[in-house]
N, C-alpha and C. Protein backbone atom coordinates (compact mmCIF):
# COMPACT_ATOMS: atom_id res chain seq x y z
N UNK A 1 0.84 -1.18 0.00
CA UNK A 1 0.00 0.00 0.00
C UNK A 1 0.88 1.23 0.00
N UNK A 2 0.42 2.29 -0.72
CA UNK A 2 1.19 3.52 -0.83
C UNK A 2 1.08 4.37 0.42
N UNK A 3 2.04 5.24 0.60
CA UNK A 3 2.04 6.15 1.75
C UNK A 3 0.89 7.14 1.61
N UNK A 4 0.34 7.53 2.76
CA UNK A 4 -0.75 8.50 2.76
C UNK A 4 -0.29 9.80 2.09
N UNK A 5 -1.13 10.34 1.24
CA UNK A 5 -0.79 11.59 0.58
C UNK A 5 0.02 11.41 -0.70
N UNK A 6 0.26 10.19 -1.11
CA UNK A 6 1.00 9.96 -2.35
C UNK A 6 0.01 9.99 -3.52
N UNK A 7 0.00 11.10 -4.21
CA UNK A 7 -0.94 11.28 -5.31
C UNK A 7 -0.23 11.28 -6.66
N UNK A 8 0.91 10.60 -6.74
CA UNK A 8 1.70 10.57 -7.98
C UNK A 8 0.90 10.10 -9.18
N UNK A 9 0.13 9.01 -9.01
CA UNK A 9 -0.66 8.49 -10.13
C UNK A 9 -1.74 9.48 -10.56
N UNK A 10 -2.38 10.13 -9.59
CA UNK A 10 -3.43 11.11 -9.90
C UNK A 10 -2.82 12.29 -10.63
N UNK A 11 -1.67 12.76 -10.15
CA UNK A 11 -0.98 13.88 -10.80
C UNK A 11 -0.61 13.51 -12.23
N UNK A 12 -0.13 12.32 -12.42
CA UNK A 12 0.27 11.85 -13.75
C UNK A 12 -0.93 11.82 -14.70
N UNK A 13 -2.04 11.25 -14.24
CA UNK A 13 -3.25 11.19 -15.07
C UNK A 13 -3.81 12.59 -15.36
N UNK A 14 -3.76 13.46 -14.38
CA UNK A 14 -4.24 14.83 -14.58
C UNK A 14 -3.39 15.54 -15.62
N UNK A 15 -2.08 15.36 -15.58
CA UNK A 15 -1.20 15.98 -16.57
C UNK A 15 -1.47 15.42 -17.96
N UNK A 16 -1.71 14.13 -18.05
CA UNK A 16 -2.06 13.54 -19.35
C UNK A 16 -3.33 14.16 -19.90
N UNK A 17 -4.32 14.34 -19.03
CA UNK A 17 -5.58 14.94 -19.45
C UNK A 17 -5.37 16.38 -19.93
N UNK A 18 -4.58 17.14 -19.21
CA UNK A 18 -4.28 18.52 -19.62
C UNK A 18 -3.56 18.56 -20.96
N UNK A 19 -2.70 17.59 -21.20
CA UNK A 19 -1.97 17.56 -22.47
C UNK A 19 -2.88 17.20 -23.64
N UNK A 20 -3.95 16.44 -23.39
CA UNK A 20 -4.84 15.97 -24.45
C UNK A 20 -5.99 16.94 -24.72
N UNK A 21 -6.56 17.51 -23.66
CA UNK A 21 -7.72 18.38 -23.80
C UNK A 21 -7.26 19.78 -24.21
N UNK A 22 -7.82 20.31 -25.28
CA UNK A 22 -7.43 21.66 -25.70
C UNK A 22 -7.85 22.69 -24.64
N UNK A 23 -6.97 23.63 -24.38
CA UNK A 23 -7.23 24.66 -23.36
C UNK A 23 -7.47 26.00 -24.04
N UNK A 24 -8.46 26.73 -23.54
CA UNK A 24 -8.74 28.09 -24.02
C UNK A 24 -8.51 29.05 -22.87
N UNK A 25 -7.94 30.19 -23.18
CA UNK A 25 -7.78 31.20 -22.14
C UNK A 25 -9.14 31.84 -21.87
N UNK A 26 -9.25 32.51 -20.74
CA UNK A 26 -10.49 33.19 -20.40
C UNK A 26 -10.83 34.24 -21.46
N UNK A 27 -9.83 34.96 -21.93
CA UNK A 27 -10.05 35.99 -22.95
C UNK A 27 -10.59 35.38 -24.24
N UNK A 28 -10.08 34.21 -24.61
CA UNK A 28 -10.58 33.53 -25.81
C UNK A 28 -12.03 33.09 -25.62
N UNK A 29 -12.35 32.61 -24.43
CA UNK A 29 -13.74 32.19 -24.15
C UNK A 29 -14.68 33.39 -24.17
N UNK A 30 -14.26 34.52 -23.61
CA UNK A 30 -15.09 35.74 -23.62
C UNK A 30 -15.30 36.21 -25.06
N UNK A 31 -14.25 36.21 -25.85
CA UNK A 31 -14.35 36.64 -27.25
C UNK A 31 -15.32 35.74 -28.02
N UNK A 32 -15.20 34.44 -27.84
CA UNK A 32 -16.08 33.50 -28.54
C UNK A 32 -17.53 33.68 -28.07
N UNK A 33 -17.74 33.88 -26.79
CA UNK A 33 -19.09 34.09 -26.26
C UNK A 33 -19.69 35.37 -26.81
N UNK A 34 -18.90 36.43 -26.85
CA UNK A 34 -19.38 37.71 -27.39
C UNK A 34 -19.77 37.55 -28.86
N UNK A 35 -18.97 36.81 -29.62
CA UNK A 35 -19.28 36.56 -31.03
C UNK A 35 -20.58 35.77 -31.17
N UNK A 36 -20.81 34.80 -30.28
CA UNK A 36 -22.06 34.04 -30.31
C UNK A 36 -23.25 34.96 -30.05
N UNK A 37 -23.11 35.87 -29.10
CA UNK A 37 -24.20 36.81 -28.80
C UNK A 37 -24.45 37.75 -29.98
N UNK A 38 -23.39 38.20 -30.62
CA UNK A 38 -23.54 39.11 -31.77
C UNK A 38 -24.27 38.44 -32.92
N UNK A 39 -24.07 37.13 -33.10
CA UNK A 39 -24.65 36.42 -34.25
C UNK A 39 -26.10 36.00 -34.04
N UNK A 40 -26.62 36.14 -32.83
CA UNK A 40 -28.01 35.73 -32.59
C UNK A 40 -28.96 36.59 -33.41
N UNK A 41 -29.97 35.95 -33.99
CA UNK A 41 -30.99 36.72 -34.70
C UNK A 41 -32.19 36.95 -33.77
N UNK A 42 -33.06 37.84 -34.18
CA UNK A 42 -34.19 38.21 -33.33
C UNK A 42 -35.14 37.04 -33.08
N UNK A 43 -35.26 36.13 -34.04
CA UNK A 43 -36.14 34.97 -33.86
C UNK A 43 -35.63 34.08 -32.72
N UNK A 44 -34.32 33.93 -32.63
CA UNK A 44 -33.73 33.15 -31.55
C UNK A 44 -33.96 33.81 -30.20
N UNK A 45 -34.00 35.15 -30.18
CA UNK A 45 -34.19 35.88 -28.94
C UNK A 45 -35.64 35.91 -28.48
N UNK A 46 -36.56 35.45 -29.33
CA UNK A 46 -37.96 35.38 -28.94
C UNK A 46 -38.07 34.40 -27.77
N UNK A 47 -38.71 34.85 -26.70
CA UNK A 47 -38.77 34.02 -25.50
C UNK A 47 -39.62 32.77 -25.69
N UNK A 48 -40.36 32.68 -26.79
CA UNK A 48 -41.18 31.49 -27.03
C UNK A 48 -40.33 30.34 -27.58
N UNK A 49 -39.13 30.62 -28.01
CA UNK A 49 -38.29 29.58 -28.60
C UNK A 49 -37.79 28.62 -27.53
N UNK A 50 -37.55 27.40 -27.95
CA UNK A 50 -36.99 26.42 -27.01
C UNK A 50 -35.50 26.22 -27.25
N UNK A 51 -34.94 26.97 -28.19
CA UNK A 51 -33.52 26.86 -28.49
C UNK A 51 -32.69 27.45 -27.34
N UNK A 52 -31.65 26.71 -26.93
CA UNK A 52 -30.79 27.22 -25.86
C UNK A 52 -29.98 28.39 -26.37
N UNK A 53 -29.75 29.34 -25.48
CA UNK A 53 -28.98 30.53 -25.82
C UNK A 53 -27.54 30.37 -25.33
N UNK A 54 -26.62 31.13 -25.91
CA UNK A 54 -25.22 31.04 -25.45
C UNK A 54 -25.13 31.31 -23.95
N UNK A 55 -24.23 30.61 -23.30
CA UNK A 55 -24.02 30.80 -21.87
C UNK A 55 -24.88 29.90 -21.01
N UNK A 56 -25.83 29.18 -21.65
CA UNK A 56 -26.75 28.33 -20.89
C UNK A 56 -26.73 26.89 -21.40
N UNK A 57 -25.65 26.48 -21.98
CA UNK A 57 -25.58 25.17 -22.61
C UNK A 57 -25.71 24.03 -21.60
N UNK A 58 -26.41 23.00 -22.00
CA UNK A 58 -26.57 21.78 -21.21
C UNK A 58 -27.18 22.03 -19.84
N UNK A 59 -27.98 23.06 -19.72
CA UNK A 59 -28.66 23.34 -18.45
C UNK A 59 -27.80 24.04 -17.42
N UNK A 60 -26.51 24.21 -17.70
CA UNK A 60 -25.66 24.91 -16.74
C UNK A 60 -25.54 26.37 -17.17
N UNK A 61 -24.91 27.16 -16.34
CA UNK A 61 -24.79 28.59 -16.61
C UNK A 61 -23.33 28.99 -16.53
N UNK A 62 -22.84 29.63 -17.56
CA UNK A 62 -21.47 30.12 -17.57
C UNK A 62 -21.46 31.54 -17.02
N UNK A 63 -21.51 31.63 -15.71
CA UNK A 63 -21.67 32.90 -15.03
C UNK A 63 -20.57 33.89 -15.38
N UNK A 64 -19.33 33.43 -15.39
CA UNK A 64 -18.22 34.36 -15.62
C UNK A 64 -18.32 35.00 -17.00
N UNK A 65 -18.81 34.26 -17.99
CA UNK A 65 -18.96 34.82 -19.34
C UNK A 65 -20.14 35.79 -19.39
N UNK A 66 -21.22 35.45 -18.71
CA UNK A 66 -22.38 36.35 -18.68
C UNK A 66 -22.05 37.65 -17.95
N UNK A 67 -21.28 37.58 -16.88
CA UNK A 67 -20.88 38.80 -16.15
C UNK A 67 -20.08 39.71 -17.07
N UNK A 68 -19.17 39.13 -17.82
CA UNK A 68 -18.39 39.93 -18.78
C UNK A 68 -19.31 40.60 -19.80
N UNK A 69 -20.28 39.84 -20.31
CA UNK A 69 -21.19 40.39 -21.32
C UNK A 69 -22.13 41.44 -20.73
N UNK A 70 -22.55 41.26 -19.50
CA UNK A 70 -23.43 42.26 -18.86
C UNK A 70 -22.70 43.58 -18.63
N UNK A 71 -21.39 43.53 -18.54
CA UNK A 71 -20.59 44.73 -18.35
C UNK A 71 -19.98 45.24 -19.66
N UNK A 72 -20.40 44.69 -20.78
CA UNK A 72 -19.89 45.10 -22.09
C UNK A 72 -20.32 46.53 -22.39
N UNK A 73 -19.53 47.23 -23.15
CA UNK A 73 -19.87 48.61 -23.50
C UNK A 73 -20.97 48.68 -24.56
N UNK A 74 -21.23 47.56 -25.25
CA UNK A 74 -22.25 47.50 -26.30
C UNK A 74 -23.59 47.11 -25.68
N UNK A 75 -24.59 47.98 -25.81
CA UNK A 75 -25.92 47.74 -25.22
C UNK A 75 -26.57 46.48 -25.81
N UNK A 76 -26.33 46.18 -27.08
CA UNK A 76 -26.91 44.99 -27.71
C UNK A 76 -26.37 43.72 -27.03
N UNK A 77 -25.07 43.70 -26.75
CA UNK A 77 -24.46 42.55 -26.08
C UNK A 77 -25.04 42.40 -24.68
N UNK A 78 -25.21 43.51 -23.96
CA UNK A 78 -25.79 43.47 -22.62
C UNK A 78 -27.20 42.88 -22.66
N UNK A 79 -28.01 43.34 -23.60
CA UNK A 79 -29.40 42.87 -23.69
C UNK A 79 -29.45 41.37 -24.03
N UNK A 80 -28.61 40.94 -24.93
CA UNK A 80 -28.60 39.53 -25.31
C UNK A 80 -28.09 38.65 -24.17
N UNK A 81 -27.14 39.15 -23.40
CA UNK A 81 -26.67 38.42 -22.22
C UNK A 81 -27.79 38.34 -21.18
N UNK A 82 -28.56 39.41 -21.04
CA UNK A 82 -29.70 39.42 -20.12
C UNK A 82 -30.73 38.39 -20.57
N UNK A 83 -31.00 38.34 -21.87
CA UNK A 83 -31.91 37.32 -22.42
C UNK A 83 -31.43 35.91 -22.03
N UNK A 84 -30.15 35.66 -22.26
CA UNK A 84 -29.60 34.32 -21.98
C UNK A 84 -29.73 33.99 -20.50
N UNK A 85 -29.42 34.94 -19.64
CA UNK A 85 -29.51 34.68 -18.20
C UNK A 85 -30.95 34.41 -17.77
N UNK A 86 -31.88 35.24 -18.24
CA UNK A 86 -33.29 35.05 -17.86
C UNK A 86 -33.86 33.76 -18.44
N UNK A 87 -33.46 33.40 -19.64
CA UNK A 87 -33.89 32.13 -20.23
C UNK A 87 -33.51 30.97 -19.30
N UNK A 88 -32.25 31.00 -18.82
CA UNK A 88 -31.77 29.96 -17.92
C UNK A 88 -32.49 30.00 -16.59
N UNK A 89 -32.65 31.19 -16.03
CA UNK A 89 -33.22 31.34 -14.70
C UNK A 89 -34.69 30.90 -14.65
N UNK A 90 -35.44 31.18 -15.68
CA UNK A 90 -36.88 30.92 -15.69
C UNK A 90 -37.23 29.48 -16.05
N UNK A 91 -36.31 28.74 -16.62
CA UNK A 91 -36.62 27.39 -17.08
C UNK A 91 -37.22 26.56 -15.95
N UNK A 92 -38.25 25.80 -16.20
CA UNK A 92 -38.83 25.48 -17.50
C UNK A 92 -39.93 26.44 -17.94
N UNK A 93 -40.35 27.38 -17.09
CA UNK A 93 -41.34 28.35 -17.55
C UNK A 93 -40.66 29.35 -18.48
N UNK A 94 -41.39 30.33 -18.96
CA UNK A 94 -40.87 31.24 -19.97
C UNK A 94 -40.94 32.69 -19.52
N UNK A 95 -39.98 33.46 -19.98
CA UNK A 95 -40.01 34.91 -19.80
C UNK A 95 -40.85 35.47 -20.93
N UNK A 96 -41.77 36.31 -20.59
CA UNK A 96 -42.68 36.88 -21.58
C UNK A 96 -42.17 38.21 -22.10
N UNK A 97 -41.54 38.98 -21.24
CA UNK A 97 -41.16 40.34 -21.63
C UNK A 97 -39.86 40.72 -20.94
N UNK A 98 -39.01 41.43 -21.66
CA UNK A 98 -37.78 41.98 -21.11
C UNK A 98 -37.66 43.42 -21.57
N UNK A 99 -37.50 44.31 -20.62
CA UNK A 99 -37.36 45.72 -20.95
C UNK A 99 -36.08 46.23 -20.32
N UNK A 100 -35.15 46.63 -21.16
CA UNK A 100 -33.90 47.21 -20.67
C UNK A 100 -34.18 48.63 -20.19
N UNK A 101 -33.64 48.98 -19.04
CA UNK A 101 -33.85 50.30 -18.46
C UNK A 101 -32.59 51.15 -18.62
N UNK A 102 -32.78 52.44 -18.65
CA UNK A 102 -31.63 53.34 -18.69
C UNK A 102 -30.94 53.27 -17.34
N UNK A 103 -29.66 52.97 -17.36
CA UNK A 103 -28.90 52.82 -16.11
C UNK A 103 -28.14 54.10 -15.81
N UNK A 104 -28.17 54.49 -14.55
CA UNK A 104 -27.40 55.65 -14.09
C UNK A 104 -26.44 55.17 -13.01
N UNK A 105 -25.22 55.70 -13.06
CA UNK A 105 -24.17 55.27 -12.11
C UNK A 105 -24.68 55.31 -10.68
N UNK A 106 -24.36 54.31 -9.88
CA UNK A 106 -23.38 53.24 -10.10
C UNK A 106 -23.96 52.00 -10.77
N UNK A 107 -25.23 52.01 -11.18
CA UNK A 107 -25.83 50.85 -11.84
C UNK A 107 -25.24 50.73 -13.25
N UNK A 108 -24.73 49.53 -13.59
CA UNK A 108 -24.16 49.30 -14.92
C UNK A 108 -25.25 48.97 -15.93
N UNK A 109 -26.14 48.06 -15.55
CA UNK A 109 -27.20 47.58 -16.42
C UNK A 109 -28.41 47.27 -15.55
N UNK A 110 -29.60 47.49 -16.10
CA UNK A 110 -30.81 47.15 -15.36
C UNK A 110 -31.89 46.75 -16.36
N UNK A 111 -32.72 45.80 -15.96
CA UNK A 111 -33.80 45.34 -16.84
C UNK A 111 -34.97 44.85 -15.99
N UNK A 112 -36.18 45.04 -16.51
CA UNK A 112 -37.40 44.48 -15.92
C UNK A 112 -37.79 43.26 -16.74
N UNK A 113 -38.37 42.26 -16.07
CA UNK A 113 -38.83 41.09 -16.79
C UNK A 113 -40.15 40.61 -16.22
N UNK A 114 -40.90 39.92 -17.06
CA UNK A 114 -42.16 39.30 -16.66
C UNK A 114 -42.07 37.83 -17.03
N UNK A 115 -42.34 36.99 -16.05
CA UNK A 115 -42.28 35.54 -16.22
C UNK A 115 -43.69 34.99 -16.19
N UNK A 116 -43.99 34.13 -17.13
CA UNK A 116 -45.32 33.55 -17.30
C UNK A 116 -45.36 32.16 -16.69
N UNK A 117 -46.35 31.94 -15.82
CA UNK A 117 -46.58 30.62 -15.23
C UNK A 117 -47.96 30.13 -15.62
N UNK A 118 -48.08 29.13 -16.50
CA UNK A 118 -49.40 28.55 -16.76
C UNK A 118 -49.85 27.79 -15.52
N UNK A 119 -51.14 27.91 -15.18
CA UNK A 119 -51.63 27.31 -13.95
C UNK A 119 -52.49 26.08 -14.20
N UNK A 120 -53.44 26.19 -15.10
CA UNK A 120 -54.29 25.04 -15.38
C UNK A 120 -54.76 25.08 -16.83
N UNK A 121 -55.64 24.15 -17.18
CA UNK A 121 -56.08 24.04 -18.57
C UNK A 121 -57.08 25.12 -18.98
N UNK A 122 -57.54 25.92 -18.05
CA UNK A 122 -58.52 26.98 -18.37
C UNK A 122 -57.83 28.27 -18.79
N UNK A 123 -56.57 28.17 -19.15
CA UNK A 123 -55.78 29.32 -19.59
C UNK A 123 -55.55 30.36 -18.49
N UNK A 124 -55.80 29.98 -17.24
CA UNK A 124 -55.46 30.88 -16.15
C UNK A 124 -53.94 30.95 -16.09
N UNK A 125 -53.43 32.10 -15.76
CA UNK A 125 -51.99 32.26 -15.70
C UNK A 125 -51.60 33.21 -14.58
N UNK A 126 -50.38 33.09 -14.19
CA UNK A 126 -49.80 34.00 -13.22
C UNK A 126 -48.55 34.61 -13.83
N UNK A 127 -48.36 35.87 -13.57
CA UNK A 127 -47.16 36.55 -14.04
C UNK A 127 -46.34 36.97 -12.83
N UNK A 128 -45.07 36.72 -12.90
CA UNK A 128 -44.15 37.16 -11.86
C UNK A 128 -43.22 38.17 -12.49
N UNK A 129 -42.96 39.23 -11.76
CA UNK A 129 -42.12 40.31 -12.28
C UNK A 129 -40.84 40.37 -11.48
N UNK A 130 -39.81 40.84 -12.12
CA UNK A 130 -38.54 40.99 -11.43
C UNK A 130 -37.71 42.05 -12.09
N UNK A 131 -36.65 42.40 -11.42
CA UNK A 131 -35.73 43.39 -11.94
C UNK A 131 -34.31 42.90 -11.68
N UNK A 132 -33.49 43.01 -12.69
CA UNK A 132 -32.08 42.69 -12.55
C UNK A 132 -31.32 44.00 -12.56
N UNK A 133 -30.47 44.14 -11.56
CA UNK A 133 -29.65 45.34 -11.44
C UNK A 133 -28.19 44.89 -11.35
N UNK A 134 -27.37 45.35 -12.26
CA UNK A 134 -25.96 45.00 -12.26
C UNK A 134 -25.18 46.20 -11.73
N UNK A 135 -24.43 45.97 -10.65
CA UNK A 135 -23.61 47.03 -10.05
C UNK A 135 -22.17 46.53 -9.95
N UNK A 136 -21.22 47.45 -9.91
CA UNK A 136 -19.81 47.03 -9.88
C UNK A 136 -19.40 46.29 -8.61
N UNK A 137 -20.03 46.58 -7.49
CA UNK A 137 -19.60 45.98 -6.23
C UNK A 137 -20.80 45.77 -5.31
N UNK A 138 -20.81 44.66 -4.60
CA UNK A 138 -21.90 44.37 -3.68
C UNK A 138 -21.95 45.40 -2.54
N UNK A 139 -20.83 46.04 -2.25
CA UNK A 139 -20.81 47.06 -1.20
C UNK A 139 -21.70 48.25 -1.55
N UNK A 140 -22.02 48.44 -2.82
CA UNK A 140 -22.86 49.55 -3.26
C UNK A 140 -24.35 49.21 -3.23
N UNK A 141 -24.69 48.01 -2.85
CA UNK A 141 -26.07 47.56 -2.91
C UNK A 141 -27.02 48.44 -2.11
N UNK A 142 -26.69 48.73 -0.86
CA UNK A 142 -27.58 49.55 -0.03
C UNK A 142 -27.82 50.93 -0.62
N UNK A 143 -26.81 51.53 -1.20
CA UNK A 143 -26.96 52.87 -1.76
C UNK A 143 -27.73 52.87 -3.07
N UNK A 144 -27.82 51.72 -3.73
CA UNK A 144 -28.50 51.63 -5.03
C UNK A 144 -30.00 51.36 -4.88
N UNK A 145 -30.38 50.60 -3.87
CA UNK A 145 -31.78 50.21 -3.73
C UNK A 145 -32.61 51.35 -3.18
N UNK A 146 -33.11 52.17 -4.08
CA UNK A 146 -33.97 53.28 -3.70
C UNK A 146 -35.15 53.38 -4.67
N UNK A 147 -36.01 54.33 -4.45
CA UNK A 147 -37.22 54.49 -5.27
C UNK A 147 -36.89 54.74 -6.73
N UNK A 148 -35.84 55.48 -7.00
CA UNK A 148 -35.48 55.78 -8.39
C UNK A 148 -35.13 54.51 -9.16
N UNK A 149 -34.43 53.58 -8.53
CA UNK A 149 -34.02 52.35 -9.21
C UNK A 149 -35.14 51.32 -9.22
N UNK A 150 -35.85 51.18 -8.10
CA UNK A 150 -36.88 50.15 -7.99
C UNK A 150 -38.27 50.62 -8.43
N UNK A 151 -38.41 51.91 -8.69
CA UNK A 151 -39.70 52.47 -9.10
C UNK A 151 -40.33 51.78 -10.31
N UNK A 152 -39.57 51.49 -11.38
CA UNK A 152 -40.17 50.82 -12.54
C UNK A 152 -40.75 49.44 -12.20
N UNK A 153 -40.12 48.70 -11.30
CA UNK A 153 -40.64 47.39 -10.89
C UNK A 153 -41.93 47.56 -10.11
N UNK A 154 -41.97 48.51 -9.21
CA UNK A 154 -43.18 48.78 -8.41
C UNK A 154 -44.32 49.19 -9.34
N UNK A 155 -44.02 50.04 -10.32
CA UNK A 155 -45.03 50.49 -11.27
C UNK A 155 -45.56 49.31 -12.11
N UNK A 156 -44.66 48.46 -12.60
CA UNK A 156 -45.06 47.30 -13.39
C UNK A 156 -45.95 46.37 -12.59
N UNK A 157 -45.58 46.08 -11.35
CA UNK A 157 -46.39 45.22 -10.49
C UNK A 157 -47.77 45.82 -10.26
N UNK A 158 -47.83 47.14 -10.07
CA UNK A 158 -49.11 47.81 -9.87
C UNK A 158 -49.99 47.73 -11.11
N UNK A 159 -49.39 47.85 -12.30
CA UNK A 159 -50.15 47.75 -13.54
C UNK A 159 -50.78 46.38 -13.70
N UNK A 160 -50.07 45.33 -13.37
CA UNK A 160 -50.60 43.98 -13.51
C UNK A 160 -51.66 43.69 -12.45
N UNK A 161 -51.51 44.23 -11.25
CA UNK A 161 -52.51 44.01 -10.22
C UNK A 161 -53.78 44.76 -10.52
N UNK A 162 -53.66 45.87 -11.25
CA UNK A 162 -54.83 46.69 -11.58
C UNK A 162 -55.66 46.13 -12.72
N UNK A 163 -55.09 45.16 -13.48
CA UNK A 163 -55.85 44.62 -14.63
C UNK A 163 -56.60 43.38 -14.27
């Protein structure tokens, strides 16, 4: 029996795997992800589609790539990353509506969404609303959560309750 802590065989197999499996740098992965988002057509972005969006492959979520895209200087990339994130988050139900909001510092990106929940065969449904707010640091959270930022969500919820 080998001495405790002798991981020579494991190290050897891990090195073999690293030598065989192609490696991509984080920058290469971000570039490829951004290109995938740029190539999406509007039909793919329709929330009724069942096609998986970039960043949500195989039911998992590539958070680090989505964070990069949400902080992109291109508003189109931000919106498409928001679509991909909400598609993943809402599964198996569907997002019905996404509205990108004008962001003011320190908020980087913000969006309202409506999620559709079918309830029974009589076409009764429930809608859940939410807001995504992207900020540079969690330490800024308390200073960001105010009426100016959350007002659109409160208004949206009131509109749905009034109908």
